C-alpha atoms as a PDB file:
ATOM      1  CA  MET A   1      -5.141  12.135 -14.774  1.00  0.00           C
ATOM      2  CA  THR A   2      -5.302  14.555 -11.853  1.00  0.00           C
ATOM      3  CA  ARG A   3      -4.739  17.456 -14.265  1.00  0.00           C
ATOM      4  CA  ILE A   4      -7.976  16.630 -16.075  1.00  0.00           C
ATOM      5  CA  GLY A   5      -9.932  16.269 -12.843  1.00  0.00           C
ATOM      6  CA  MET A   6     -10.027  12.479 -12.490  1.00  0.00           C
ATOM      7  CA  PRO A   7     -10.294  11.220  -8.898  1.00  0.00           C
ATOM      8  CA  VAL A   8      -6.919   9.551  -8.417  1.00  0.00           C
ATOM      9  CA  PRO A   9      -5.952   7.992  -5.070  1.00  0.00           C
ATOM     10  CA  PHE A  10      -3.060   9.544  -3.183  1.00  0.00           C
ATOM     11  CA  GLY A  11       0.276   7.845  -3.680  1.00  0.00           C
ATOM     12  CA  PHE A  12       4.034   8.067  -3.869  1.00  0.00           C
ATOM     13  CA  THR A  13       6.804   6.558  -5.957  1.00  0.00           C
ATOM     14  CA  ILE A  14       9.854   4.578  -4.945  1.00  0.00           C
ATOM     15  CA  THR A  15      12.292   5.146  -7.782  1.00  0.00           C
ATOM     16  CA  THR A  16      14.130   2.520  -9.755  1.00  0.00           C
ATOM     17  CA  GLU A  17      17.351   3.964  -8.343  1.00  0.00           C
ATOM     18  CA  ALA A  18      16.134   3.266  -4.789  1.00  0.00           C
ATOM     19  CA  CYS A  19      15.189  -0.294  -5.757  1.00  0.00           C
ATOM     20  CA  LEU A  20      18.608  -0.885  -7.317  1.00  0.00           C
ATOM     21  CA  ALA A  21      20.351   0.574  -4.243  1.00  0.00           C
ATOM     22  CA  TYR A  22      18.299  -1.810  -2.081  1.00  0.00           C
ATOM     23  CA  LEU A  23      19.397  -4.794  -4.139  1.00  0.00           C
ATOM     24  CA  GLU A  24      23.041  -3.658  -4.238  1.00  0.00           C
ATOM     25  CA  ALA A  25      23.023  -3.276  -0.433  1.00  0.00           C
ATOM     26  CA  ASP A  26      22.113  -6.945   0.028  1.00  0.00           C
ATOM     27  CA  ARG A  27      18.406  -6.131   0.409  1.00  0.00           C
ATOM     28  CA  SER A  28      18.912  -3.346   2.952  1.00  0.00           C
ATOM     29  CA  PHE A  29      17.174   0.008   2.703  1.00  0.00           C
ATOM     30  CA  PRO A  30      19.440   2.831   1.542  1.00  0.00           C
ATOM     31  CA  ASP A  31      20.032   5.544   4.150  1.00  0.00           C
ATOM     32  CA  GLY A  32      16.945   7.692   4.546  1.00  0.00           C
ATOM     33  CA  LEU A  33      14.589   5.603   2.413  1.00  0.00           C
ATOM     34  CA  TRP A  34      12.586   4.183   5.313  1.00  0.00           C
ATOM     35  CA  ASP A  35      12.139   7.702   6.722  1.00  0.00           C
ATOM     36  CA  GLN A  36      10.995   8.970   3.314  1.00  0.00           C
ATOM     37  CA  ILE A  37       8.449   6.147   3.053  1.00  0.00           C
ATOM     38  CA  GLY A  38       7.160   6.981   6.540  1.00  0.00           C
ATOM     39  CA  GLU A  39       6.785  10.652   5.578  1.00  0.00           C
ATOM     40  CA  ALA A  40       4.940   9.728   2.367  1.00  0.00           C
ATOM     41  CA  VAL A  41       2.537   7.438   4.233  1.00  0.00           C
ATOM     42  CA  ALA A  42       1.941  10.191   6.828  1.00  0.00           C
ATOM     43  CA  LYS A  43       0.972  12.595   4.013  1.00  0.00           C
ATOM     44  CA  ILE A  44      -1.482  10.052   2.606  1.00  0.00           C
ATOM     45  CA  GLU A  45      -2.912   9.480   6.084  1.00  0.00           C
ATOM     46  CA  ALA A  46      -3.437  13.235   6.543  1.00  0.00           C
ATOM     47  CA  ALA A  47      -5.038  13.634   3.113  1.00  0.00           C
ATOM     48  CA  ALA A  48      -7.292  10.577   3.480  1.00  0.00           C
ATOM     49  CA  GLY A  49      -8.196  11.172   7.121  1.00  0.00           C
ATOM     50  CA  LYS A  50      -7.300   7.553   7.943  1.00  0.00           C
ATOM     51  CA  ARG A  51      -4.360   5.850   9.602  1.00  0.00           C
ATOM     52  CA  PHE A  52      -2.405   2.841   8.420  1.00  0.00           C
ATOM     53  CA  GLY A  53      -3.100   0.039  10.933  1.00  0.00           C
ATOM     54  CA  ASP A  54      -6.169   1.702  12.476  1.00  0.00           C
ATOM     55  CA  LEU A  55      -8.490  -1.013  13.737  1.00  0.00           C
ATOM     56  CA  ALA A  56     -11.851   0.610  12.966  1.00  0.00           C
ATOM     57  CA  GLU A  57     -11.234   2.465   9.706  1.00  0.00           C
ATOM     58  CA  PRO A  58      -7.806   1.552   8.337  1.00  0.00           C
ATOM     59  CA  LEU A  59      -5.936   3.215   5.515  1.00  0.00           C
ATOM     60  CA  LEU A  60      -5.366   0.478   2.965  1.00  0.00           C
ATOM     61  CA  LEU A  61      -2.639   0.847   0.371  1.00  0.00           C
ATOM     62  CA  SER A  62      -1.778  -0.903  -2.846  1.00  0.00           C
ATOM     63  CA  CYS A  63       1.624  -1.464  -4.364  1.00  0.00           C
ATOM     64  CA  ARG A  64       2.242  -1.862  -8.056  1.00  0.00           C
ATOM     65  CA  SER A  65       5.014  -1.834 -10.583  1.00  0.00           C
ATOM     66  CA  GLY A  66       5.184   1.328 -12.638  1.00  0.00           C
ATOM     67  CA  ALA A  67       6.666  -0.373 -15.669  1.00  0.00           C
ATOM     68  CA  LYS A  68       5.187   0.650 -18.997  1.00  0.00           C
ATOM     69  CA  PHE A  69       4.940  -3.001 -20.046  1.00  0.00           C
ATOM     70  CA  SER A  70       4.570  -5.924 -17.669  1.00  0.00           C
ATOM     71  CA  MET A  71       7.115  -8.681 -18.131  1.00  0.00           C
ATOM     72  CA  PRO A  72       7.306 -12.204 -16.706  1.00  0.00           C
ATOM     73  CA  GLY A  73       8.654 -12.152 -13.177  1.00  0.00           C
ATOM     74  CA  MET A  74       7.628  -8.558 -12.524  1.00  0.00           C
ATOM     75  CA  MET A  75       5.731  -7.707  -9.385  1.00  0.00           C
ATOM     76  CA  ASP A  76       1.968  -7.876  -9.625  1.00  0.00           C
ATOM     77  CA  THR A  77      -0.255  -5.325  -7.944  1.00  0.00           C
ATOM     78  CA  VAL A  78      -0.735  -6.068  -4.263  1.00  0.00           C
ATOM     79  CA  LEU A  79      -3.989  -4.691  -2.860  1.00  0.00           C
ATOM     80  CA  ASN A  80      -5.146  -3.988   0.685  1.00  0.00           C
ATOM     81  CA  LEU A  81      -1.776  -3.566   2.376  1.00  0.00           C
ATOM     82  CA  GLY A  82      -2.621  -2.723   5.952  1.00  0.00           C
ATOM     83  CA  LEU A  83      -5.003  -5.565   6.580  1.00  0.00           C
ATOM     84  CA  ASN A  84      -3.947  -7.994   9.271  1.00  0.00           C
ATOM     85  CA  GLU A  85      -5.882 -10.313  11.569  1.00  0.00           C
ATOM     86  CA  ALA A  86      -6.605  -7.626  14.183  1.00  0.00           C
ATOM     87  CA  VAL A  87      -7.645  -5.020  11.593  1.00  0.00           C
ATOM     88  CA  VAL A  88      -9.863  -7.522   9.761  1.00  0.00           C
ATOM     89  CA  GLU A  89     -11.764  -8.580  12.862  1.00  0.00           C
ATOM     90  CA  ASN A  90     -12.433  -5.019  14.009  1.00  0.00           C
ATOM     91  CA  PHE A  91     -13.085  -3.579  10.542  1.00  0.00           C
ATOM     92  CA  ALA A  92     -15.519  -6.395   9.739  1.00  0.00           C
ATOM     93  CA  GLN A  93     -17.584  -5.384  12.763  1.00  0.00           C
ATOM     94  CA  VAL A  94     -17.606  -1.719  11.700  1.00  0.00           C
ATOM     95  CA  VAL A  95     -18.688  -2.154   8.068  1.00  0.00           C
ATOM     96  CA  SER A  96     -21.921  -3.716   6.947  1.00  0.00           C
ATOM     97  CA  ASP A  97     -20.212  -6.380   4.819  1.00  0.00           C
ATOM     98  CA  GLY A  98     -17.871  -8.414   6.991  1.00  0.00           C
ATOM     99  CA  HIS A  99     -17.659 -11.091   4.289  1.00  0.00           C
ATOM    100  CA  PHE A 100     -16.068  -8.543   1.937  1.00  0.00           C
ATOM    101  CA  VAL A 101     -13.437  -7.612   4.540  1.00  0.00           C
ATOM    102  CA  HIS A 102     -12.557 -11.257   5.249  1.00  0.00           C
ATOM    103  CA  ASP A 103     -12.450 -12.053   1.526  1.00  0.00           C
ATOM    104  CA  SER A 104     -10.145  -9.073   0.906  1.00  0.00           C
ATOM    105  CA  PHE A 105      -7.765 -10.369   3.578  1.00  0.00           C
ATOM    106  CA  ARG A 106      -7.970 -13.905   2.162  1.00  0.00           C
ATOM    107  CA  ARG A 107      -6.866 -12.526  -1.223  1.00  0.00           C
ATOM    108  CA  LEU A 108      -4.049 -10.445   0.307  1.00  0.00           C
ATOM    109  CA  VAL A 109      -2.351 -13.350   2.089  1.00  0.00           C
ATOM    110  CA  PRO A 110      -1.128 -15.231  -1.022  1.00  0.00           C
ATOM    111  CA  MET A 111      -0.002 -12.005  -2.697  1.00  0.00           C
END
């Protein structure tokens, strides 16, 4: 989509191989994966001009499965990663629609 000029949010991919290595290691990150995720988030922060966890204008991320076809038991999309109680309270004061911020957090919690 970026090749045809569509505005696509910044992102990164965690490969199936990394997910399998995580499961095979008794749910422990493979060597270097956490550092790679940190580097990828830092690139998104730089491109977006926002920081993950910032209280006034946080970078919010979403996480989704990249499977071609969704199957029962597969992960659903999780929106608004980066919201927490402190971020919500401060961000709600900064934006003009505090109800929207609180509702977004309310929806994140059960995900």
